[in-house]
Amino acid sequence: MKATVGDRLHVHSKHVDEIDRYAEIVEVRGQEGDPPYLVRYSDGHESLVFPGGDCEIEPPRPRSAE
């Protein structure tokens, strides 16, 4: 998994009644785009993430689409 600052981390829900989560990658701490990633969720919470199989890296969305 490779990412750059500004990409989005898409965390797929594990249960039917949960929504997917998205976070902006604000720092890449691994070499050459590798994890871990410092991410910021829409509520302002920041977390260091080592993404698993339930995650995808997506390009940033244009501001007008949000």
N, C-alpha and C. Protein backbone atom coordinates (compact mmCIF):
# COMPACT_ATOMS: atom_id res chain seq x y z
N MET A 1 0.85 -1.16 0.00
CA MET A 1 0.00 0.00 0.00
C MET A 1 0.90 1.23 0.00
N LYS A 2 0.66 2.14 -0.94
CA LYS A 2 1.44 3.37 -1.07
C LYS A 2 0.50 4.56 -1.03
N ALA A 3 0.93 5.63 -0.36
CA ALA A 3 0.11 6.83 -0.26
C ALA A 3 0.99 8.07 -0.29
N THR A 4 0.36 9.20 -0.55
CA THR A 4 1.01 10.49 -0.46
C THR A 4 0.14 11.41 0.39
N VAL A 5 0.74 12.45 0.91
CA VAL A 5 -0.02 13.42 1.71
C VAL A 5 -1.14 13.98 0.86
N GLY A 6 -2.33 14.03 1.43
CA GLY A 6 -3.51 14.53 0.72
C GLY A 6 -4.42 13.43 0.24
N ASP A 7 -3.90 12.20 0.09
CA ASP A 7 -4.75 11.07 -0.28
C ASP A 7 -5.75 10.81 0.83
N ARG A 8 -6.78 10.02 0.51
CA ARG A 8 -7.78 9.66 1.52
C ARG A 8 -7.64 8.18 1.86
N LEU A 9 -7.79 7.89 3.14
CA LEU A 9 -7.84 6.52 3.60
C LEU A 9 -9.31 6.15 3.74
N HIS A 10 -9.74 5.15 3.01
CA HIS A 10 -11.13 4.67 3.05
C HIS A 10 -11.13 3.38 3.86
N VAL A 11 -11.78 3.44 5.02
CA VAL A 11 -11.87 2.27 5.90
C VAL A 11 -13.27 1.68 5.75
N HIS A 12 -13.35 0.50 5.17
CA HIS A 12 -14.64 -0.16 4.95
C HIS A 12 -15.20 -0.68 6.27
N SER A 13 -16.50 -0.56 6.42
CA SER A 13 -17.13 -1.03 7.66
C SER A 13 -17.07 -2.55 7.73
N LYS A 14 -17.06 -3.06 8.93
CA LYS A 14 -17.00 -4.51 9.14
C LYS A 14 -18.36 -5.09 9.46
N HIS A 15 -19.35 -4.22 9.72
CA HIS A 15 -20.69 -4.66 10.10
C HIS A 15 -21.72 -3.97 9.22
N VAL A 16 -22.85 -4.60 9.04
CA VAL A 16 -23.89 -4.09 8.17
C VAL A 16 -24.39 -2.72 8.63
N ASP A 17 -24.51 -2.50 9.91
CA ASP A 17 -25.09 -1.26 10.42
C ASP A 17 -24.07 -0.13 10.65
N GLU A 18 -22.83 -0.31 10.22
CA GLU A 18 -21.81 0.72 10.37
C GLU A 18 -21.53 1.37 9.02
N ILE A 19 -21.17 2.64 9.07
CA ILE A 19 -20.82 3.34 7.83
C ILE A 19 -19.31 3.26 7.61
N ASP A 20 -18.89 3.41 6.35
CA ASP A 20 -17.47 3.49 6.04
C ASP A 20 -16.92 4.77 6.62
N ARG A 21 -15.63 4.78 6.91
CA ARG A 21 -14.97 5.98 7.44
C ARG A 21 -13.91 6.44 6.45
N TYR A 22 -13.71 7.73 6.42
CA TYR A 22 -12.72 8.33 5.55
C TYR A 22 -11.84 9.26 6.38
N ALA A 23 -10.57 9.30 6.02
CA ALA A 23 -9.63 10.20 6.70
C ALA A 23 -8.64 10.73 5.68
N GLU A 24 -8.18 11.93 5.90
CA GLU A 24 -7.16 12.52 5.04
C GLU A 24 -5.79 12.15 5.58
N ILE A 25 -4.92 11.74 4.69
CA ILE A 25 -3.55 11.41 5.10
C ILE A 25 -2.77 12.72 5.21
N VAL A 26 -2.32 13.03 6.42
CA VAL A 26 -1.62 14.29 6.65
C VAL A 26 -0.11 14.10 6.79
N GLU A 27 0.32 12.85 6.98
CA GLU A 27 1.76 12.57 7.05
C GLU A 27 2.00 11.11 6.73
N VAL A 28 3.01 10.86 5.89
CA VAL A 28 3.43 9.50 5.57
C VAL A 28 4.72 9.26 6.32
N ARG A 29 4.72 8.32 7.25
CA ARG A 29 5.90 8.10 8.09
C ARG A 29 6.78 6.95 7.61
N GLY A 30 6.27 6.13 6.70
CA GLY A 30 7.06 5.05 6.14
C GLY A 30 7.90 5.54 4.97
N GLN A 31 8.74 4.67 4.47
CA GLN A 31 9.58 5.02 3.33
C GLN A 31 8.82 4.82 2.04
N GLU A 32 8.99 5.75 1.10
CA GLU A 32 8.43 5.65 -0.25
C GLU A 32 6.92 5.42 -0.26
N GLY A 33 6.20 6.07 0.64
CA GLY A 33 4.75 5.98 0.66
C GLY A 33 4.17 4.83 1.45
N ASP A 34 5.03 4.10 2.14
CA ASP A 34 4.57 2.96 2.95
C ASP A 34 4.00 3.44 4.28
N PRO A 35 3.15 2.62 4.92
CA PRO A 35 2.64 2.95 6.25
C PRO A 35 3.78 2.96 7.26
N PRO A 36 3.55 3.59 8.41
CA PRO A 36 2.28 4.09 8.94
C PRO A 36 1.95 5.48 8.39
N TYR A 37 0.66 5.82 8.51
CA TYR A 37 0.16 7.12 8.07
C TYR A 37 -0.47 7.84 9.25
N LEU A 38 -0.20 9.13 9.35
CA LEU A 38 -0.93 9.97 10.30
C LEU A 38 -2.13 10.49 9.53
N VAL A 39 -3.33 10.21 10.02
CA VAL A 39 -4.55 10.60 9.33
C VAL A 39 -5.40 11.51 10.20
N ARG A 40 -6.24 12.32 9.54
CA ARG A 40 -7.18 13.20 10.25
C ARG A 40 -8.59 12.91 9.74
N TYR A 41 -9.47 12.56 10.68
CA TYR A 41 -10.86 12.30 10.36
C TYR A 41 -11.63 13.62 10.33
N SER A 42 -12.84 13.61 9.78
CA SER A 42 -13.63 14.84 9.61
C SER A 42 -13.96 15.52 10.93
N ASP A 43 -13.97 14.77 12.03
CA ASP A 43 -14.25 15.37 13.34
C ASP A 43 -13.00 16.00 13.97
N GLY A 44 -11.87 15.98 13.25
CA GLY A 44 -10.63 16.56 13.73
C GLY A 44 -9.71 15.60 14.45
N HIS A 45 -10.20 14.39 14.76
CA HIS A 45 -9.40 13.38 15.45
C HIS A 45 -8.25 12.94 14.54
N GLU A 46 -7.05 12.85 15.09
CA GLU A 46 -5.90 12.35 14.35
C GLU A 46 -5.44 11.04 14.96
N SER A 47 -4.94 10.16 14.09
CA SER A 47 -4.52 8.84 14.54
C SER A 47 -3.40 8.33 13.65
N LEU A 48 -2.51 7.54 14.23
CA LEU A 48 -1.47 6.86 13.47
C LEU A 48 -2.04 5.51 13.05
N VAL A 49 -2.02 5.23 11.74
CA VAL A 49 -2.70 4.06 11.20
C VAL A 49 -1.74 3.17 10.43
N PHE A 50 -1.84 1.89 10.70
CA PHE A 50 -1.21 0.85 9.88
C PHE A 50 -2.37 0.14 9.19
N PRO A 51 -2.76 0.56 7.97
CA PRO A 51 -3.97 0.04 7.33
C PRO A 51 -3.94 -1.47 7.12
N GLY A 52 -5.11 -2.07 7.29
CA GLY A 52 -5.27 -3.50 7.07
C GLY A 52 -6.00 -3.77 5.77
N GLY A 53 -6.47 -4.98 5.62
CA GLY A 53 -7.16 -5.40 4.41
C GLY A 53 -8.51 -4.74 4.19
N ASP A 54 -9.03 -4.07 5.21
CA ASP A 54 -10.32 -3.40 5.08
C ASP A 54 -10.17 -1.95 4.65
N CYS A 55 -8.95 -1.55 4.20
CA CYS A 55 -8.69 -0.15 3.84
C CYS A 55 -8.23 -0.03 2.40
N GLU A 56 -8.50 1.14 1.83
CA GLU A 56 -8.03 1.49 0.50
C GLU A 56 -7.47 2.90 0.55
N ILE A 57 -6.51 3.18 -0.32
CA ILE A 57 -6.01 4.53 -0.50
C ILE A 57 -6.69 5.08 -1.74
N GLU A 58 -7.28 6.28 -1.62
CA GLU A 58 -7.97 6.91 -2.73
C GLU A 58 -7.36 8.30 -2.96
N PRO A 59 -7.40 8.77 -4.21
CA PRO A 59 -6.91 10.13 -4.44
C PRO A 59 -7.82 11.13 -3.75
N PRO A 60 -7.30 12.32 -3.47
CA PRO A 60 -8.14 13.32 -2.79
C PRO A 60 -9.34 13.70 -3.65
N ARG A 61 -10.46 13.99 -3.00
CA ARG A 61 -11.66 14.43 -3.73
C ARG A 61 -11.57 15.92 -3.96
N PRO A 62 -12.07 16.38 -5.11
CA PRO A 62 -12.10 17.84 -5.33
C PRO A 62 -12.98 18.49 -4.26
N ARG A 63 -12.63 19.68 -3.84
CA ARG A 63 -13.37 20.39 -2.80
C ARG A 63 -14.85 20.56 -3.15
N SER A 64 -15.16 20.75 -4.42
CA SER A 64 -16.56 20.97 -4.82
C SER A 64 -17.41 19.72 -4.66
N ALA A 65 -16.78 18.52 -4.57
CA ALA A 65 -17.52 17.26 -4.45
C ALA A 65 -17.84 16.93 -3.01
N GLU A 66 -17.29 17.66 -2.06
CA GLU A 66 -17.52 17.32 -0.65
C GLU A 66 -18.75 17.94 -0.10
